[in-house]
Every structure is written in structure tokens, then in C-alpha cells.
Amino acid sequence: MVSKNTICLWYDGTALDAATFYAATFPDSAVGAVHRAPADYPAGKQGDVLTVEFTVMGIPCLGLNGGPEFKHNEAFSFQVATDNQAETDRLWSAIVGNNGQESACGWCKDKWGVSWQITPRALLAAISDPDPVVAKRSFEAMMDMSKIDIAAIELARRG
């Protein structure tokens, strides 16, 4: 049964590869149905993978092999709240180490162009600290990072 709200991500023939990677990398993720094109279409031929149903951390998604016309950008991202540095490092390394790209402040991009925010809960707590001086120090520390270093955030939080 189709979910009432599903995120549709556009790929250039690589939806199944992306879905398989996400399912292997993130908890509560899986590849579901793979649908093949019933006829030729602008980005493929009859029998090619047209769509892939998958979940990413419990979020229903549909990968559409729509062709090269549209590219992913940072206007859409998955934000993944991590519980510790080991989880942060594992997810960051999985994405970046699989031909992805580092960015700033916990952001990275996978090899398909989908943006991810690998965001430790400790960072979220620090930059929303009720003490504005503490929040500012923590935020400024984050601004100098690519992958978030929880120990450095905690050090900035303590002053």
C-alpha cells in the first residue's frame, strides 16, 4: 500500500543503487518494490527500473529514474540525529567514503547528489542552550567544522 506522503527522489538510472546503499547504511531502512517500465520512456526503455520503493530511517521514499534533467541540491536534505561520535563517524564515512562530498557544519552529499546533515544530538542541545553565550560559542565552533566533532562542541559549550 502506498503511503499517504512519500518523498520522491529523482535519479538518472541509479535509483536502485541508491536505495540499496541507504538500506545498508541507515537503521530502519529497506528496499521494497522495484517497478520496471511497462514501455519506453524518455529516460529509458521498457523493462528498465523505473521506480524503487524504499524507506530511509522509517521514512517512505520513491526513487524515480527520471533521467539527467534534474539534479539534487541542498534545498532538500535528510537530517540524521546521531547519539554519539561513533555513529556520527560511521554515517559520515559511509556517505563521504562512497564517492560522496564533505561540506560544512555536518552536511555532506552522497554520490547521487542527495544532501545529508549528520547532526549529533549534542550539537543540537549546545546551539539551543538557554544561555545565549553558550549557544553562540557552540554555534561558532560548529561553523569551523565539516564533520561534527562532539568533543570540540562540548569543549566550546563549557567555555
N, C-alpha and C. Protein backbone atom coordinates (compact mmCIF):
# COMPACT_ATOMS: atom_id res chain seq x y z
N MET A 1 0.84 -1.19 0.00
CA MET A 1 0.00 0.00 0.00
C MET A 1 0.88 1.25 0.00
N VAL A 2 0.52 2.19 -0.81
CA VAL A 2 1.28 3.43 -0.92
C VAL A 2 0.99 4.33 0.27
N SER A 3 2.04 4.88 0.86
CA SER A 3 1.90 5.80 1.98
C SER A 3 1.20 7.07 1.51
N LYS A 4 0.52 7.74 2.41
CA LYS A 4 -0.15 9.00 2.07
C LYS A 4 0.86 10.08 1.69
N ASN A 5 2.04 10.06 2.29
CA ASN A 5 3.07 11.06 1.99
C ASN A 5 4.39 10.32 1.78
N THR A 6 4.92 10.41 0.59
CA THR A 6 6.16 9.74 0.23
C THR A 6 7.10 10.75 -0.40
N ILE A 7 8.36 10.70 0.00
CA ILE A 7 9.37 11.56 -0.62
C ILE A 7 9.79 10.92 -1.93
N CYS A 8 9.71 11.66 -3.02
CA CYS A 8 10.13 11.16 -4.32
C CYS A 8 11.47 11.81 -4.67
N LEU A 9 12.46 10.96 -4.89
CA LEU A 9 13.81 11.43 -5.24
C LEU A 9 14.11 11.02 -6.68
N TRP A 10 14.59 11.96 -7.46
CA TRP A 10 14.84 11.77 -8.88
C TRP A 10 16.28 11.32 -9.09
N TYR A 11 16.46 10.26 -9.86
CA TYR A 11 17.79 9.73 -10.16
C TYR A 11 17.94 9.57 -11.67
N ASP A 12 19.17 9.49 -12.09
CA ASP A 12 19.48 9.27 -13.50
C ASP A 12 19.89 7.81 -13.70
N GLY A 13 18.91 6.91 -13.54
CA GLY A 13 19.15 5.50 -13.76
C GLY A 13 19.76 4.75 -12.59
N THR A 14 19.94 5.41 -11.44
CA THR A 14 20.65 4.79 -10.31
C THR A 14 19.80 4.66 -9.05
N ALA A 15 18.49 4.72 -9.19
CA ALA A 15 17.61 4.68 -8.01
C ALA A 15 17.80 3.40 -7.20
N LEU A 16 17.94 2.27 -7.85
CA LEU A 16 18.09 1.01 -7.12
C LEU A 16 19.43 0.98 -6.39
N ASP A 17 20.49 1.46 -7.02
CA ASP A 17 21.80 1.53 -6.36
C ASP A 17 21.73 2.41 -5.12
N ALA A 18 21.10 3.57 -5.24
CA ALA A 18 20.99 4.48 -4.11
C ALA A 18 20.17 3.85 -2.99
N ALA A 19 19.02 3.29 -3.32
CA ALA A 19 18.15 2.66 -2.32
C ALA A 19 18.87 1.53 -1.60
N THR A 20 19.63 0.74 -2.33
CA THR A 20 20.38 -0.36 -1.74
C THR A 20 21.44 0.16 -0.78
N PHE A 21 22.12 1.23 -1.16
CA PHE A 21 23.12 1.84 -0.27
C PHE A 21 22.46 2.38 1.00
N TYR A 22 21.36 3.10 0.86
CA TYR A 22 20.67 3.65 2.04
C TYR A 22 20.21 2.53 2.97
N ALA A 23 19.67 1.46 2.41
CA ALA A 23 19.20 0.35 3.23
C ALA A 23 20.34 -0.32 3.99
N ALA A 24 21.52 -0.38 3.39
CA ALA A 24 22.67 -0.99 4.04
C ALA A 24 23.33 -0.06 5.05
N THR A 25 23.09 1.23 4.95
CA THR A 25 23.80 2.22 5.76
C THR A 25 23.01 2.70 6.97
N PHE A 26 21.73 2.92 6.81
CA PHE A 26 20.92 3.53 7.86
C PHE A 26 19.99 2.53 8.52
N PRO A 27 19.85 2.62 9.85
CA PRO A 27 18.92 1.73 10.54
C PRO A 27 17.48 2.00 10.09
N ASP A 28 16.64 1.02 10.26
CA ASP A 28 15.22 1.12 9.91
C ASP A 28 15.04 1.55 8.45
N SER A 29 15.87 1.00 7.58
CA SER A 29 15.82 1.31 6.15
C SER A 29 15.76 0.01 5.36
N ALA A 30 15.07 0.04 4.23
CA ALA A 30 14.93 -1.17 3.43
C ALA A 30 14.54 -0.82 1.99
N VAL A 31 14.86 -1.71 1.10
CA VAL A 31 14.39 -1.61 -0.28
C VAL A 31 13.11 -2.42 -0.38
N GLY A 32 12.10 -1.82 -0.95
CA GLY A 32 10.83 -2.51 -1.15
C GLY A 32 10.67 -2.92 -2.60
N ALA A 33 9.56 -2.58 -3.17
CA ALA A 33 9.24 -2.99 -4.53
C ALA A 33 10.07 -2.25 -5.57
N VAL A 34 10.46 -2.98 -6.60
CA VAL A 34 11.15 -2.41 -7.75
C VAL A 34 10.19 -2.54 -8.93
N HIS A 35 9.89 -1.40 -9.55
CA HIS A 35 8.93 -1.39 -10.66
C HIS A 35 9.66 -1.10 -11.97
N ARG A 36 9.38 -1.90 -12.96
CA ARG A 36 10.03 -1.75 -14.26
C ARG A 36 9.08 -1.03 -15.23
N ALA A 37 9.66 -0.28 -16.13
CA ALA A 37 8.88 0.50 -17.09
C ALA A 37 8.06 -0.43 -17.99
N PRO A 38 6.76 -0.18 -18.10
CA PRO A 38 5.92 -1.02 -18.96
C PRO A 38 6.09 -0.70 -20.45
N ALA A 39 6.78 0.42 -20.72
CA ALA A 39 7.01 0.83 -22.12
C ALA A 39 8.24 1.74 -22.13
N ASP A 40 8.74 2.04 -23.31
CA ASP A 40 9.84 3.00 -23.42
C ASP A 40 9.39 4.35 -22.88
N TYR A 41 10.32 5.10 -22.34
CA TYR A 41 10.05 6.45 -21.83
C TYR A 41 11.30 7.30 -22.10
N PRO A 42 11.21 8.62 -21.93
CA PRO A 42 12.33 9.47 -22.33
C PRO A 42 13.68 9.10 -21.72
N ALA A 43 13.70 8.57 -20.49
CA ALA A 43 14.97 8.27 -19.82
C ALA A 43 15.32 6.78 -19.87
N GLY A 44 14.51 5.96 -20.52
CA GLY A 44 14.81 4.53 -20.52
C GLY A 44 13.94 3.73 -21.44
N LYS A 45 14.15 2.45 -21.35
CA LYS A 45 13.45 1.50 -22.22
C LYS A 45 12.50 0.62 -21.42
N GLN A 46 11.58 0.01 -22.11
CA GLN A 46 10.69 -0.96 -21.49
C GLN A 46 11.54 -1.99 -20.75
N GLY A 47 11.17 -2.28 -19.51
CA GLY A 47 11.88 -3.26 -18.70
C GLY A 47 12.95 -2.67 -17.80
N ASP A 48 13.38 -1.43 -18.06
CA ASP A 48 14.35 -0.77 -17.17
C ASP A 48 13.68 -0.48 -15.83
N VAL A 49 14.50 -0.38 -14.78
CA VAL A 49 13.96 0.02 -13.48
C VAL A 49 13.44 1.45 -13.60
N LEU A 50 12.17 1.63 -13.34
CA LEU A 50 11.54 2.95 -13.41
C LEU A 50 11.47 3.58 -12.03
N THR A 51 10.94 2.83 -11.06
CA THR A 51 10.84 3.34 -9.69
C THR A 51 11.25 2.26 -8.70
N VAL A 52 11.71 2.73 -7.54
CA VAL A 52 12.08 1.84 -6.45
C VAL A 52 11.43 2.38 -5.18
N GLU A 53 10.65 1.56 -4.51
CA GLU A 53 10.09 1.93 -3.22
C GLU A 53 11.11 1.55 -2.15
N PHE A 54 11.41 2.49 -1.25
CA PHE A 54 12.34 2.20 -0.17
C PHE A 54 12.04 3.09 1.02
N THR A 55 12.58 2.71 2.16
CA THR A 55 12.47 3.54 3.35
C THR A 55 13.87 3.91 3.80
N VAL A 56 14.00 5.12 4.32
CA VAL A 56 15.23 5.61 4.92
C VAL A 56 14.88 6.02 6.34
N MET A 57 15.35 5.26 7.31
CA MET A 57 15.08 5.50 8.72
C MET A 57 13.58 5.67 8.98
N GLY A 58 12.82 4.78 8.37
CA GLY A 58 11.38 4.76 8.57
C GLY A 58 10.60 5.72 7.67
N ILE A 59 11.28 6.52 6.88
CA ILE A 59 10.61 7.49 6.01
C ILE A 59 10.39 6.85 4.64
N PRO A 60 9.13 6.78 4.19
CA PRO A 60 8.87 6.19 2.88
C PRO A 60 9.39 7.09 1.75
N CYS A 61 10.08 6.46 0.82
CA CYS A 61 10.65 7.18 -0.32
C CYS A 61 10.36 6.40 -1.59
N LEU A 62 10.42 7.12 -2.69
CA LEU A 62 10.31 6.52 -4.00
C LEU A 62 11.46 7.07 -4.84
N GLY A 63 12.28 6.20 -5.36
CA GLY A 63 13.33 6.61 -6.28
C GLY A 63 12.81 6.51 -7.70
N LEU A 64 12.87 7.60 -8.42
CA LEU A 64 12.38 7.65 -9.80
C LEU A 64 13.57 7.81 -10.74
N ASN A 65 13.74 6.89 -11.65
CA ASN A 65 14.79 7.01 -12.66
C ASN A 65 14.27 7.89 -13.79
N GLY A 66 14.32 9.19 -13.56
CA GLY A 66 13.73 10.16 -14.48
C GLY A 66 14.68 10.68 -15.54
N GLY A 67 15.98 10.41 -15.40
CA GLY A 67 16.93 10.90 -16.40
C GLY A 67 17.79 12.02 -15.87
N PRO A 68 18.59 12.63 -16.74
CA PRO A 68 19.59 13.61 -16.31
C PRO A 68 19.08 15.05 -16.15
N GLU A 69 17.81 15.30 -16.43
CA GLU A 69 17.31 16.68 -16.45
C GLU A 69 17.40 17.41 -15.11
N PHE A 70 17.12 16.71 -14.02
CA PHE A 70 17.07 17.37 -12.71
C PHE A 70 18.11 16.80 -11.79
N LYS A 71 18.77 17.66 -11.04
CA LYS A 71 19.82 17.26 -10.10
C LYS A 71 19.39 17.61 -8.68
N HIS A 72 19.86 16.82 -7.72
CA HIS A 72 19.62 17.13 -6.31
C HIS A 72 20.44 18.35 -5.92
N ASN A 73 19.97 19.06 -4.90
CA ASN A 73 20.76 20.15 -4.32
C ASN A 73 20.44 20.27 -2.84
N GLU A 74 21.12 21.18 -2.17
CA GLU A 74 20.99 21.30 -0.72
C GLU A 74 19.65 21.85 -0.25
N ALA A 75 18.78 22.24 -1.17
CA ALA A 75 17.45 22.71 -0.76
C ALA A 75 16.64 21.59 -0.12
N PHE A 76 17.04 20.35 -0.37
CA PHE A 76 16.45 19.19 0.30
C PHE A 76 17.58 18.40 0.92
N SER A 77 17.38 17.98 2.17
CA SER A 77 18.36 17.12 2.81
C SER A 77 17.66 16.23 3.83
N PHE A 78 18.32 15.11 4.11
CA PHE A 78 17.91 14.27 5.24
C PHE A 78 18.75 14.72 6.43
N GLN A 79 18.12 15.01 7.54
CA GLN A 79 18.86 15.33 8.76
C GLN A 79 18.80 14.10 9.66
N VAL A 80 19.99 13.58 9.98
CA VAL A 80 20.10 12.36 10.78
C VAL A 80 20.66 12.75 12.15
N ALA A 81 19.86 12.58 13.19
CA ALA A 81 20.30 12.87 14.56
C ALA A 81 21.09 11.67 15.07
N THR A 82 22.35 11.90 15.42
CA THR A 82 23.20 10.82 15.92
C THR A 82 23.36 10.93 17.43
N ASP A 83 23.61 9.79 18.06
CA ASP A 83 23.69 9.75 19.52
C ASP A 83 25.10 9.87 20.08
N ASN A 84 26.11 9.63 19.25
CA ASN A 84 27.49 9.69 19.74
C ASN A 84 28.45 9.87 18.57
N GLN A 85 29.73 10.01 18.90
CA GLN A 85 30.72 10.25 17.86
C GLN A 85 30.90 9.04 16.95
N ALA A 86 30.81 7.85 17.51
CA ALA A 86 30.97 6.64 16.69
C ALA A 86 29.90 6.57 15.61
N GLU A 87 28.66 6.85 15.97
CA GLU A 87 27.58 6.83 14.99
C GLU A 87 27.77 7.95 13.97
N THR A 88 28.15 9.13 14.44
CA THR A 88 28.42 10.26 13.55
C THR A 88 29.51 9.89 12.55
N ASP A 89 30.61 9.33 13.05
CA ASP A 89 31.73 8.95 12.19
C ASP A 89 31.33 7.87 11.19
N ARG A 90 30.57 6.87 11.64
CA ARG A 90 30.18 5.76 10.77
C ARG A 90 29.33 6.26 9.61
N LEU A 91 28.32 7.08 9.90
CA LEU A 91 27.43 7.55 8.84
C LEU A 91 28.15 8.51 7.90
N TRP A 92 28.94 9.43 8.48
CA TRP A 92 29.71 10.38 7.67
C TRP A 92 30.65 9.62 6.73
N SER A 93 31.37 8.67 7.28
CA SER A 93 32.33 7.91 6.48
C SER A 93 31.63 7.07 5.41
N ALA A 94 30.47 6.53 5.71
CA ALA A 94 29.74 5.74 4.73
C ALA A 94 29.35 6.60 3.53
N ILE A 95 28.87 7.79 3.80
CA ILE A 95 28.43 8.68 2.71
C ILE A 95 29.62 9.26 1.96
N VAL A 96 30.53 9.88 2.67
CA VAL A 96 31.68 10.53 2.03
C VAL A 96 32.62 9.49 1.41
N GLY A 97 32.80 8.37 2.09
CA GLY A 97 33.70 7.34 1.61
C GLY A 97 33.18 6.56 0.41
N ASN A 98 31.93 6.75 0.05
CA ASN A 98 31.32 6.09 -1.10
C ASN A 98 31.18 7.11 -2.25
N ASN A 99 32.28 7.81 -2.51
CA ASN A 99 32.32 8.85 -3.56
C ASN A 99 31.41 10.03 -3.29
N GLY A 100 31.15 10.30 -2.00
CA GLY A 100 30.38 11.48 -1.63
C GLY A 100 31.29 12.68 -1.45
N GLN A 101 30.73 13.77 -0.94
CA GLN A 101 31.49 15.00 -0.74
C GLN A 101 31.21 15.57 0.64
N GLU A 102 32.28 16.06 1.27
CA GLU A 102 32.13 16.79 2.53
C GLU A 102 31.61 18.18 2.24
N SER A 103 30.92 18.73 3.19
CA SER A 103 30.50 20.12 3.14
C SER A 103 30.77 20.70 4.52
N ALA A 104 30.03 21.71 4.91
CA ALA A 104 30.27 22.40 6.18
C ALA A 104 29.17 22.08 7.19
N CYS A 105 29.52 22.21 8.46
CA CYS A 105 28.56 22.17 9.57
C CYS A 105 27.77 20.87 9.65
N GLY A 106 28.41 19.75 9.34
CA GLY A 106 27.75 18.47 9.44
C GLY A 106 27.05 18.02 8.16
N TRP A 107 27.13 18.83 7.12
CA TRP A 107 26.48 18.47 5.85
C TRP A 107 27.45 17.69 4.98
N CYS A 108 26.92 16.74 4.25
CA CYS A 108 27.67 16.04 3.22
C CYS A 108 26.69 15.64 2.13
N LYS A 109 27.24 15.21 1.01
CA LYS A 109 26.41 14.85 -0.14
C LYS A 109 26.84 13.46 -0.59
N ASP A 110 25.85 12.60 -0.85
CA ASP A 110 26.20 11.27 -1.34
C ASP A 110 26.53 11.32 -2.83
N LYS A 111 26.98 10.21 -3.37
CA LYS A 111 27.44 10.19 -4.76
C LYS A 111 26.31 10.43 -5.76
N TRP A 112 25.07 10.35 -5.32
CA TRP A 112 23.93 10.63 -6.18
C TRP A 112 23.49 12.08 -6.08
N GLY A 113 24.16 12.85 -5.20
CA GLY A 113 23.84 14.27 -5.06
C GLY A 113 22.85 14.60 -3.96
N VAL A 114 22.36 13.59 -3.23
CA VAL A 114 21.43 13.83 -2.13
C VAL A 114 22.21 14.35 -0.93
N SER A 115 21.72 15.42 -0.32
CA SER A 115 22.39 16.03 0.83
C SER A 115 21.91 15.41 2.14
N TRP A 116 22.86 15.29 3.06
CA TRP A 116 22.62 14.70 4.38
C TRP A 116 23.21 15.62 5.42
N GLN A 117 22.49 15.81 6.51
CA GLN A 117 23.02 16.51 7.68
C GLN A 117 23.23 15.44 8.75
N ILE A 118 24.48 15.15 9.05
CA ILE A 118 24.79 14.18 10.09
C ILE A 118 25.00 15.01 11.36
N THR A 119 23.96 15.05 12.18
CA THR A 119 23.84 16.03 13.25
C THR A 119 23.76 15.38 14.63
N PRO A 120 24.85 15.42 15.38
CA PRO A 120 24.79 14.86 16.73
C PRO A 120 23.76 15.60 17.61
N ARG A 121 23.05 14.84 18.41
CA ARG A 121 22.09 15.45 19.35
C ARG A 121 22.81 16.43 20.28
N ALA A 122 24.07 16.14 20.59
CA ALA A 122 24.85 17.03 21.45
C ALA A 122 25.01 18.41 20.80
N LEU A 123 25.14 18.45 19.49
CA LEU A 123 25.23 19.73 18.79
C LEU A 123 23.91 20.49 18.90
N LEU A 124 22.82 19.81 18.66
CA LEU A 124 21.51 20.45 18.74
C LEU A 124 21.27 21.03 20.13
N ALA A 125 21.65 20.28 21.16
CA ALA A 125 21.49 20.78 22.53
C ALA A 125 22.38 21.98 22.78
N ALA A 126 23.60 21.95 22.26
CA ALA A 126 24.55 23.04 22.51
C ALA A 126 24.14 24.33 21.84
N ILE A 127 23.70 24.26 20.58
CA ILE A 127 23.36 25.50 19.87
C ILE A 127 21.99 26.04 20.26
N SER A 128 21.23 25.25 21.02
CA SER A 128 19.95 25.74 21.53
C SER A 128 20.00 25.91 23.06
N ASP A 129 21.20 25.98 23.61
CA ASP A 129 21.37 26.17 25.05
C ASP A 129 20.63 27.45 25.47
N PRO A 130 19.96 27.44 26.60
CA PRO A 130 19.24 28.64 27.05
C PRO A 130 20.17 29.83 27.32
N ASP A 131 21.43 29.56 27.58
CA ASP A 131 22.39 30.65 27.78
C ASP A 131 22.89 31.09 26.41
N PRO A 132 22.57 32.30 25.97
CA PRO A 132 22.94 32.74 24.63
C PRO A 132 24.45 32.78 24.39
N VAL A 133 25.23 32.99 25.43
CA VAL A 133 26.69 32.99 25.28
C VAL A 133 27.18 31.58 24.96
N VAL A 134 26.63 30.60 25.66
CA VAL A 134 26.99 29.20 25.42
C VAL A 134 26.55 28.78 24.02
N ALA A 135 25.33 29.12 23.64
CA ALA A 135 24.82 28.78 22.32
C ALA A 135 25.69 29.40 21.23
N LYS A 136 26.10 30.63 21.42
CA LYS A 136 26.95 31.33 20.44
C LYS A 136 28.31 30.64 20.31
N ARG A 137 28.93 30.33 21.43
CA ARG A 137 30.24 29.63 21.38
C ARG A 137 30.12 28.30 20.65
N SER A 138 29.07 27.57 20.95
CA SER A 138 28.86 26.26 20.33
C SER A 138 28.61 26.41 18.83
N PHE A 139 27.80 27.38 18.48
CA PHE A 139 27.50 27.63 17.07
C PHE A 139 28.75 28.02 16.30
N GLU A 140 29.55 28.90 16.88
CA GLU A 140 30.78 29.33 16.22
C GLU A 140 31.76 28.17 16.06
N ALA A 141 31.81 27.27 17.02
CA ALA A 141 32.66 26.09 16.89
C ALA A 141 32.17 25.22 15.73
N MET A 142 30.87 25.04 15.63
CA MET A 142 30.29 24.24 14.54
C MET A 142 30.63 24.84 13.18
N MET A 143 30.62 26.15 13.09
CA MET A 143 30.85 26.82 11.81
C MET A 143 32.24 26.53 11.23
N ASP A 144 33.17 26.10 12.05
CA ASP A 144 34.52 25.77 11.57
C ASP A 144 34.69 24.28 11.24
N MET A 145 33.62 23.51 11.31
CA MET A 145 33.72 22.06 11.12
C MET A 145 33.09 21.61 9.82
N SER A 146 33.58 20.51 9.32
CA SER A 146 32.88 19.75 8.27
C SER A 146 32.07 18.70 9.02
N LYS A 147 32.69 17.55 9.32
CA LYS A 147 32.05 16.55 10.17
C LYS A 147 32.06 17.11 11.60
N ILE A 148 30.99 16.94 12.32
CA ILE A 148 30.88 17.48 13.68
C ILE A 148 31.71 16.64 14.65
N ASP A 149 32.51 17.34 15.43
CA ASP A 149 33.34 16.75 16.48
C ASP A 149 32.65 17.06 17.81
N ILE A 150 32.01 16.06 18.38
CA ILE A 150 31.22 16.27 19.60
C ILE A 150 32.09 16.76 20.74
N ALA A 151 33.30 16.22 20.90
CA ALA A 151 34.18 16.67 21.99
C ALA A 151 34.50 18.16 21.85
N ALA A 152 34.73 18.62 20.62
CA ALA A 152 35.02 20.04 20.40
C ALA A 152 33.79 20.90 20.67
N ILE A 153 32.62 20.39 20.34
CA ILE A 153 31.37 21.13 20.64
C ILE A 153 31.18 21.22 22.14
N GLU A 154 31.40 20.12 22.86
CA GLU A 154 31.25 20.13 24.33
C GLU A 154 32.27 21.06 24.98
N LEU A 155 33.48 21.10 24.45
CA LEU A 155 34.51 21.99 24.96
C LEU A 155 34.09 23.45 24.76
N ALA A 156 33.57 23.76 23.57
CA ALA A 156 33.10 25.12 23.31
C ALA A 156 31.90 25.44 24.22
N ARG A 157 31.06 24.49 24.44
CA ARG A 157 29.89 24.70 25.30
C ARG A 157 30.30 25.04 26.73
N ARG A 158 31.33 24.35 27.21
CA ARG A 158 31.82 24.62 28.58
C ARG A 158 32.61 25.92 28.68
N GLY A 159 33.10 26.39 27.54
CA GLY A 159 33.85 27.65 27.53
C GLY A 159 35.27 27.43 27.86
